[in-house]
Amino acid sequence: MIFSNSKKQLTKRQFAILEYIIKYVQSRMYQPNMKEIAEEFEISISGAYNHLIVISSKGWIEIGDNQKRRIEISAEAIALVNGELDQKEWVKE
């Protein structure tokens, strides 16, 4: 996957979803599906998908077509969640 070099700021909610996905993958070794993301954040499945589209448009992940667990995570996203990038710079207050 080719990720955008220019990342855009995330909202707190978008960051929380990104963090959930990364920690889910780190603990289970596979990605959450849309239903699991929706249930975690008490939103609809389409709401979860819409959040992923926006996070993808901001350059942090890539989502695949027609595959329930197809989310590619950028190295920068992992660094952000792990505290290696300044969250104040990348997550809107």
C-alpha atoms as a PDB file:
ATOM      1  CA  MET A   1       0.000   0.000   0.000  1.00  0.00           C
ATOM      2  CA  ILE A   2       1.093   3.524  -0.721  1.00  0.00           C
ATOM      3  CA  PHE A   3       0.133   6.002   1.971  1.00  0.00           C
ATOM      4  CA  SER A   4      -0.111   9.730   1.553  1.00  0.00           C
ATOM      5  CA  ASN A   5       3.000  11.549   2.724  1.00  0.00           C
ATOM      6  CA  SER A   6       0.867  14.420   3.936  1.00  0.00           C
ATOM      7  CA  LYS A   7      -1.116  13.367   6.962  1.00  0.00           C
ATOM      8  CA  LYS A   8      -4.015  15.473   8.206  1.00  0.00           C
ATOM      9  CA  GLN A   9      -5.113  15.976  11.781  1.00  0.00           C
ATOM     10  CA  LEU A  10      -7.572  13.558  13.316  1.00  0.00           C
ATOM     11  CA  THR A  11     -10.478  14.389  15.600  1.00  0.00           C
ATOM     12  CA  LYS A  12     -10.431  12.778  19.036  1.00  0.00           C
ATOM     13  CA  ARG A  13     -13.079  10.296  17.867  1.00  0.00           C
ATOM     14  CA  GLN A  14     -11.102   9.380  14.742  1.00  0.00           C
ATOM     15  CA  PHE A  15      -7.982   8.917  16.839  1.00  0.00           C
ATOM     16  CA  ALA A  16      -9.908   6.695  19.281  1.00  0.00           C
ATOM     17  CA  ILE A  17     -11.072   4.505  16.394  1.00  0.00           C
ATOM     18  CA  LEU A  18      -7.561   4.338  14.944  1.00  0.00           C
ATOM     19  CA  GLU A  19      -6.156   3.457  18.366  1.00  0.00           C
ATOM     20  CA  TYR A  20      -8.803   0.752  18.839  1.00  0.00           C
ATOM     21  CA  ILE A  21      -7.948  -0.831  15.476  1.00  0.00           C
ATOM     22  CA  ILE A  22      -4.201  -0.821  16.142  1.00  0.00           C
ATOM     23  CA  LYS A  23      -4.507  -2.223  19.667  1.00  0.00           C
ATOM     24  CA  TYR A  24      -6.998  -4.834  18.421  1.00  0.00           C
ATOM     25  CA  VAL A  25      -4.522  -5.979  15.773  1.00  0.00           C
ATOM     26  CA  GLN A  26      -1.635  -5.993  18.245  1.00  0.00           C
ATOM     27  CA  SER A  27      -3.534  -8.185  20.699  1.00  0.00           C
ATOM     28  CA  ARG A  28      -5.340 -10.532  18.291  1.00  0.00           C
ATOM     29  CA  MET A  29      -3.112 -10.535  15.196  1.00  0.00           C
ATOM     30  CA  TYR A  30      -6.071  -9.819  12.899  1.00  0.00           C
ATOM     31  CA  GLN A  31      -8.205  -6.770  12.230  1.00  0.00           C
ATOM     32  CA  PRO A  32     -11.616  -5.954  13.659  1.00  0.00           C
ATOM     33  CA  ASN A  33     -14.540  -6.037  11.260  1.00  0.00           C
ATOM     34  CA  MET A  34     -16.984  -3.148  10.841  1.00  0.00           C
ATOM     35  CA  LYS A  35     -19.488  -4.690  13.252  1.00  0.00           C
ATOM     36  CA  GLU A  36     -16.858  -4.927  16.000  1.00  0.00           C
ATOM     37  CA  ILE A  37     -15.786  -1.311  15.452  1.00  0.00           C
ATOM     38  CA  ALA A  38     -19.426  -0.186  15.439  1.00  0.00           C
ATOM     39  CA  GLU A  39     -20.188  -2.059  18.664  1.00  0.00           C
ATOM     40  CA  GLU A  40     -17.090  -0.700  20.417  1.00  0.00           C
ATOM     41  CA  PHE A  41     -18.092   2.902  19.662  1.00  0.00           C
ATOM     42  CA  GLU A  42     -21.866   2.390  19.840  1.00  0.00           C
ATOM     43  CA  ILE A  43     -22.402   3.565  16.272  1.00  0.00           C
ATOM     44  CA  SER A  44     -23.924   1.996  13.183  1.00  0.00           C
ATOM     45  CA  ILE A  45     -21.872  -0.173  10.847  1.00  0.00           C
ATOM     46  CA  SER A  46     -22.195   2.496   8.154  1.00  0.00           C
ATOM     47  CA  GLY A  47     -21.040   5.074  10.713  1.00  0.00           C
ATOM     48  CA  ALA A  48     -17.957   2.972  11.443  1.00  0.00           C
ATOM     49  CA  TYR A  49     -17.257   2.618   7.735  1.00  0.00           C
ATOM     50  CA  ASN A  50     -17.662   6.370   7.218  1.00  0.00           C
ATOM     51  CA  HIS A  51     -15.145   7.048   9.989  1.00  0.00           C
ATOM     52  CA  LEU A  52     -12.664   4.704   8.286  1.00  0.00           C
ATOM     53  CA  ILE A  53     -13.165   6.471   4.960  1.00  0.00           C
ATOM     54  CA  VAL A  54     -12.336   9.816   6.590  1.00  0.00           C
ATOM     55  CA  ILE A  55      -9.317   8.406   8.457  1.00  0.00           C
ATOM     56  CA  SER A  56      -8.153   6.939   5.147  1.00  0.00           C
ATOM     57  CA  SER A  57      -8.648  10.259   3.346  1.00  0.00           C
ATOM     58  CA  LYS A  58      -6.388  11.837   5.972  1.00  0.00           C
ATOM     59  CA  GLY A  59      -3.604   9.387   5.078  1.00  0.00           C
ATOM     60  CA  TRP A  60      -3.450   7.228   8.229  1.00  0.00           C
ATOM     61  CA  ILE A  61      -4.929   3.981   6.869  1.00  0.00           C
ATOM     62  CA  GLU A  62      -5.999   2.368   3.617  1.00  0.00           C
ATOM     63  CA  ILE A  63      -9.185   0.346   3.428  1.00  0.00           C
ATOM     64  CA  GLY A  64      -9.791  -2.391   0.906  1.00  0.00           C
ATOM     65  CA  ASP A  65     -12.851  -2.911  -1.232  1.00  0.00           C
ATOM     66  CA  ASN A  66     -15.242  -5.763  -0.466  1.00  0.00           C
ATOM     67  CA  GLN A  67     -13.158  -7.259   2.318  1.00  0.00           C
ATOM     68  CA  LYS A  68     -14.492  -7.095   5.856  1.00  0.00           C
ATOM     69  CA  ARG A  69     -11.112  -7.073   7.572  1.00  0.00           C
ATOM     70  CA  ARG A  70      -9.003  -5.242   4.996  1.00  0.00           C
ATOM     71  CA  ILE A  71      -7.418  -2.256   6.751  1.00  0.00           C
ATOM     72  CA  GLU A  72      -3.790  -1.333   6.042  1.00  0.00           C
ATOM     73  CA  ILE A  73      -2.276   0.749   8.829  1.00  0.00           C
ATOM     74  CA  SER A  74       0.522   3.228   8.127  1.00  0.00           C
ATOM     75  CA  ALA A  75       3.723   3.170  10.153  1.00  0.00           C
ATOM     76  CA  GLU A  76       2.959   6.747  11.206  1.00  0.00           C
ATOM     77  CA  ALA A  77      -0.414   5.662  12.617  1.00  0.00           C
ATOM     78  CA  ILE A  78       1.283   3.030  14.737  1.00  0.00           C
ATOM     79  CA  ALA A  79       3.877   5.587  15.866  1.00  0.00           C
ATOM     80  CA  LEU A  80       1.097   8.042  16.780  1.00  0.00           C
ATOM     81  CA  VAL A  81      -0.799   5.475  18.840  1.00  0.00           C
ATOM     82  CA  ASN A  82       2.402   4.271  20.510  1.00  0.00           C
ATOM     83  CA  GLY A  83       3.282   7.833  21.533  1.00  0.00           C
ATOM     84  CA  GLU A  84       6.233   8.189  19.160  1.00  0.00           C
ATOM     85  CA  LEU A  85       4.541  11.133  17.400  1.00  0.00           C
ATOM     86  CA  ASP A  86       3.199  14.164  19.247  1.00  0.00           C
ATOM     87  CA  GLN A  87      -0.539  13.679  19.656  1.00  0.00           C
ATOM     88  CA  LYS A  88      -0.995  17.421  20.258  1.00  0.00           C
ATOM     89  CA  GLU A  89       0.191  18.009  16.706  1.00  0.00           C
ATOM     90  CA  TRP A  90      -1.948  15.301  15.080  1.00  0.00           C
ATOM     91  CA  VAL A  91      -5.138  15.111  17.180  1.00  0.00           C
ATOM     92  CA  LYS A  92      -7.470  18.102  17.332  1.00  0.00           C
ATOM     93  CA  GLU A  93      -8.551  19.234  20.780  1.00  0.00           C
END
